[in-house]
Protein backbone atom coordinates (compact mmCIF):
# COMPACT_ATOMS: atom_id res chain seq x y z
CA MET A 1 61.62 149.73 126.52
CA GLY A 2 59.57 147.86 123.97
CA PRO A 3 57.61 144.67 124.60
CA HIS A 4 60.15 142.68 122.58
CA ALA A 5 63.42 143.75 124.16
CA SER A 6 66.16 141.31 123.13
CA LEU A 7 67.97 139.34 125.84
CA LEU A 8 71.00 137.04 125.61
CA ILE A 9 71.16 134.37 128.32
CA VAL A 10 74.65 132.98 128.93
CA ASP A 11 74.57 129.93 131.20
CA ASP A 12 76.01 126.41 130.90
CA ASP A 13 73.03 124.88 132.76
CA ALA A 14 70.77 123.93 129.84
CA GLU A 15 67.70 123.17 131.96
CA PHE A 16 68.04 126.42 133.90
CA SER A 17 68.52 128.55 130.78
CA ARG A 18 65.51 126.91 129.10
CA MET A 19 63.43 127.75 132.17
CA LEU A 20 64.62 131.36 132.01
CA THR A 21 63.88 131.57 128.30
CA ASP A 22 60.33 130.26 128.77
CA THR A 23 59.68 132.56 131.73
CA LEU A 24 61.01 135.66 129.98
CA ALA A 25 59.28 134.85 126.70
CA ASP A 26 55.99 134.76 128.61
CA GLU A 27 56.83 138.31 129.78
CA GLY A 28 57.25 139.51 126.19
CA PHE A 29 61.05 139.37 125.88
CA ALA A 30 62.84 137.97 122.83
CA CYS A 31 65.45 135.57 124.22
CA GLU A 32 68.45 133.78 122.82
CA ARG A 33 70.68 131.51 124.88
CA VAL A 34 74.22 130.22 124.62
CA ALA A 35 76.04 127.77 126.87
CA GLY A 36 79.47 129.34 127.22
CA GLY A 37 81.47 132.54 127.40
CA GLY A 38 83.36 132.02 124.15
CA GLU A 39 80.15 131.45 122.24
CA ALA A 40 78.63 134.54 123.83
CA LEU A 41 81.56 136.78 122.88
CA ALA A 42 81.51 135.50 119.30
CA LEU A 43 77.78 136.23 119.04
CA LEU A 44 78.13 139.67 120.63
CA LYS A 45 80.66 140.64 117.96
CA GLN A 46 77.97 140.04 115.35
CA ARG A 47 74.83 141.24 117.13
CA SER A 48 73.76 143.55 119.90
CA PHE A 49 71.16 142.84 122.57
CA ASP A 50 69.23 145.09 124.90
CA LEU A 51 70.58 143.13 127.87
CA VAL A 52 72.93 140.23 128.58
CA ILE A 53 72.13 137.87 131.47
CA LEU A 54 75.48 136.35 132.40
CA ASP A 55 76.16 133.50 134.83
CA MET A 56 79.43 133.93 136.72
CA MET A 57 80.28 130.24 137.19
CA MET A 58 80.85 128.54 133.84
CA PRO A 59 83.52 126.07 132.72
CA ALA A 60 86.28 127.08 130.28
CA MET A 61 85.49 130.80 130.49
CA SER A 62 83.92 132.32 133.58
CA GLY A 63 81.48 135.18 133.57
CA LEU A 64 84.23 137.41 134.95
CA ASP A 65 86.43 136.54 131.96
CA VAL A 66 83.54 137.42 129.64
CA MET A 67 83.15 140.79 131.37
CA ARG A 68 86.88 141.51 131.09
CA ARG A 69 86.74 140.95 127.33
CA LEU A 70 83.34 142.52 126.68
CA ARG A 71 83.62 145.84 128.51
CA PRO A 72 86.53 147.35 126.53
CA GLN A 73 84.47 147.02 123.36
CA SER A 74 80.84 147.38 124.45
CA ASP A 75 78.64 149.26 126.94
CA MET A 76 75.79 146.76 126.48
CA PRO A 77 73.90 146.37 129.80
CA VAL A 78 74.84 143.21 131.72
CA LEU A 79 73.01 141.54 134.62
CA ILE A 80 75.24 138.99 136.34
CA LEU A 81 73.96 135.89 138.14
CA THR A 82 76.03 134.87 141.16
CA ALA A 83 75.90 132.16 143.80
CA ARG A 84 74.09 133.38 146.90
CA GLY A 85 76.63 134.67 149.40
CA ASP A 86 79.43 134.88 146.82
CA ASP A 87 80.32 138.50 147.53
CA VAL A 88 83.68 138.33 145.72
CA ASP A 89 82.22 137.48 142.29
CA ARG A 90 79.47 140.02 142.85
CA ILE A 91 81.82 142.88 143.68
CA VAL A 92 84.38 142.00 141.01
CA GLY A 93 81.59 141.71 138.44
CA LEU A 94 80.39 145.21 139.31
CA GLU A 95 83.96 146.51 139.26
CA LEU A 96 84.34 145.09 135.75
CA GLY A 97 81.25 147.00 134.62
CA ALA A 98 78.17 144.86 135.27
CA ASP A 99 75.04 146.98 135.64
CA ASP A 100 73.50 144.88 138.39
CA TYR A 101 73.53 141.39 139.91
CA LEU A 102 71.09 138.78 141.13
CA PRO A 103 72.10 135.90 143.45
CA LYS A 104 70.89 132.37 142.72
CA PRO A 105 68.43 130.97 143.55
CA PHE A 106 65.94 133.71 142.82
CA HIS A 107 62.23 134.08 142.14
CA PRO A 108 61.45 134.59 138.43
CA ARG A 109 59.47 137.73 139.31
CA GLU A 110 62.58 139.25 140.88
CA LEU A 111 64.55 138.55 137.70
CA VAL A 112 61.87 140.19 135.57
CA ALA A 113 61.82 143.21 137.91
CA ARG A 114 65.63 143.58 137.68
CA ILE A 115 65.56 143.30 133.88
CA ARG A 116 62.84 145.92 133.55
CA ALA A 117 64.64 148.27 135.93
CA ILE A 118 67.85 148.03 133.88
CA LEU A 119 65.99 148.57 130.60
CA ARG A 120 64.06 151.52 132.03
CA ARG A 121 67.18 153.29 133.15
CA THR A 122 68.94 152.48 129.86
CA ASN A 123 66.09 154.15 127.97
CA ARG A 124 65.93 157.02 130.46
CA SER A 125 69.62 157.71 129.97
CA GLN A 126 69.02 158.44 126.29
CA THR A 127 66.82 161.47 126.89
CA GLY A 128 67.55 164.82 128.42
CA HIS A 129 70.36 167.28 127.96
CA ALA A 130 73.85 168.17 129.11
CA ILE A 131 74.49 169.09 132.73
CA SER A 132 77.72 170.05 134.43
CA ALA A 133 79.44 170.46 137.78
CA GLY A 134 82.82 172.12 137.77
CA SER A 135 84.89 170.47 135.04
CA LEU A 136 82.47 167.52 134.79
CA VAL A 137 80.08 167.56 131.81
CA LEU A 138 77.42 164.87 131.34
CA ASP A 139 75.21 164.45 128.27
CA SER A 140 72.51 161.86 128.85
CA ARG A 141 71.51 161.80 125.19
CA ASN A 142 74.60 159.80 124.31
CA LEU A 143 75.93 158.79 127.74
CA SER A 144 79.01 160.94 127.21
CA VAL A 145 81.04 162.19 130.16
CA THR A 146 84.05 164.48 130.08
CA ILE A 147 86.21 165.90 132.85
CA ASP A 148 88.57 168.74 131.97
CA GLY A 149 87.67 167.92 128.36
CA ARG A 150 88.81 164.31 128.69
CA PRO A 151 86.18 161.69 127.73
CA ALA A 152 85.45 158.83 130.12
CA ARG A 153 83.63 155.62 129.30
CA LEU A 154 80.98 154.67 131.87
CA THR A 155 78.34 151.97 132.11
CA VAL A 156 74.71 153.07 132.24
CA ALA A 157 74.56 152.36 135.98
CA GLU A 158 77.72 154.38 136.65
CA PHE A 159 76.44 157.24 134.51
CA LEU A 160 73.14 157.41 136.37
CA VAL A 161 74.81 157.31 139.80
CA LEU A 162 77.03 160.19 138.69
CA GLU A 163 74.05 162.06 137.22
CA CYS A 164 72.22 161.81 140.57
CA LEU A 165 75.26 163.22 142.37
CA VAL A 166 75.70 166.03 139.85
CA ARG A 167 72.05 167.03 140.08
CA SER A 168 72.42 167.19 143.88
CA VAL A 169 75.88 168.77 143.97
CA GLY A 170 76.82 169.81 147.51
CA GLN A 171 74.09 167.63 149.04
CA MET A 172 74.58 164.25 150.66
CA LEU A 173 72.65 161.39 149.04
CA THR A 174 72.24 158.19 151.02
CA ARG A 175 73.14 154.90 149.41
CA GLU A 176 69.46 153.99 149.69
CA ALA A 177 68.44 157.10 147.72
CA LEU A 178 71.10 156.47 145.07
CA SER A 179 69.96 152.87 144.66
CA GLU A 180 66.34 153.95 144.25
CA LYS A 181 67.12 156.82 141.85
CA ALA A 182 69.97 155.35 139.81
CA LEU A 183 69.42 151.58 139.93
CA GLY A 184 65.64 151.71 140.16
CA ARG A 185 65.43 149.32 143.12
CA PRO A 186 65.64 149.38 146.92
CA LEU A 187 69.03 148.86 148.51
CA GLU A 188 69.25 145.36 149.94
CA GLU A 189 70.98 144.25 153.13
CA TYR A 190 74.74 143.83 152.61
CA ASP A 191 74.35 145.29 149.10
CA ARG A 192 77.54 147.09 148.04
CA SER A 193 76.48 147.95 144.48
CA ILE A 194 76.44 151.71 145.06
CA ASN A 195 79.80 151.60 146.84
CA THR A 196 81.31 149.74 143.90
CA HIS A 197 79.82 152.06 141.27
CA VAL A 198 81.18 155.07 143.17
CA SER A 199 84.61 153.42 143.40
CA ASN A 200 84.51 152.85 139.63
CA LEU A 201 83.59 156.50 139.04
CA ARG A 202 86.48 157.74 141.15
CA ARG A 203 88.88 155.49 139.28
CA LYS A 204 87.61 156.17 135.75
CA LEU A 205 87.30 159.92 136.21
CA GLY A 206 90.40 160.38 138.34
CA LEU A 207 88.31 162.20 140.91
CA GLU A 208 90.53 161.22 143.81
CA ALA A 209 93.37 163.22 142.28
CA GLN A 210 91.24 165.69 140.34
CA ARG A 211 91.48 169.17 141.83
CA GLY A 212 88.19 170.91 142.32
CA VAL A 213 85.80 167.94 141.94
CA GLU A 214 85.43 164.94 144.21
CA ILE A 215 82.91 162.38 145.37
CA ARG A 216 83.12 162.62 149.14
CA SER A 217 82.07 159.75 151.39
CA VAL A 218 79.82 160.59 154.32
CA ARG A 219 80.67 157.83 156.78
CA ASN A 220 78.02 155.12 157.07
CA LEU A 221 75.50 157.31 155.26
CA GLY A 222 76.21 158.04 151.62
CA TYR A 223 78.02 160.27 149.14
CA MET A 224 78.24 163.88 148.07
CA LEU A 225 79.66 165.50 144.95
CA VAL A 226 81.77 168.48 146.03
CA VAL A 227 82.94 171.20 143.64
CA GLU A 228 85.37 173.80 144.91
CA SER A 229 84.30 177.34 144.07
CA GLY A 230 86.16 178.82 141.15
CA LYS A 231 87.07 175.39 139.78
């Protein structure tokens, strides 16, 4: 993560987005801002950014609509901004492939911490080597994942959750541990980010129906990657 990581701020509140731009520029980030989802998608077709900061509640095109259109064509990290207590937008945003979320209102220092955590894990995901568990093969150098030879497209957050489980195959990892290791932050009260990322992994990889490899829930505690012997 360089001192001039590029950020795109997508928010229809001009005063709020100017405040974010000034705050983040003071922290060494190169920021650009747009006021709507359509404008953001048009810009993202032309340019890439290290991170997109996306407000969920915008007129004409919501943040969720932006995510639905962006994810099939790009794995660019996305931090969504949601109304405090709006669990539905938060969970749906994560299901659509957001890397993390932050409820409004928030302290600028918390935003900076979330951004740096996402950028750290994005950079960390680009080093290392291939690891495997059963028919799962992960290569962190290019974020590639295959199961039974079939490629799967994951976000950085999903990849790192899966990588933690693969590296601890057969061992239960608490949601708190997965949040610390994969998301780079403590698990907050009522935070269902890890649950949602695991649900996405099961769906994208077909692990619920995949013989020999599964992510098993340990009730009220966490998750475990289980590989049947000989598979």
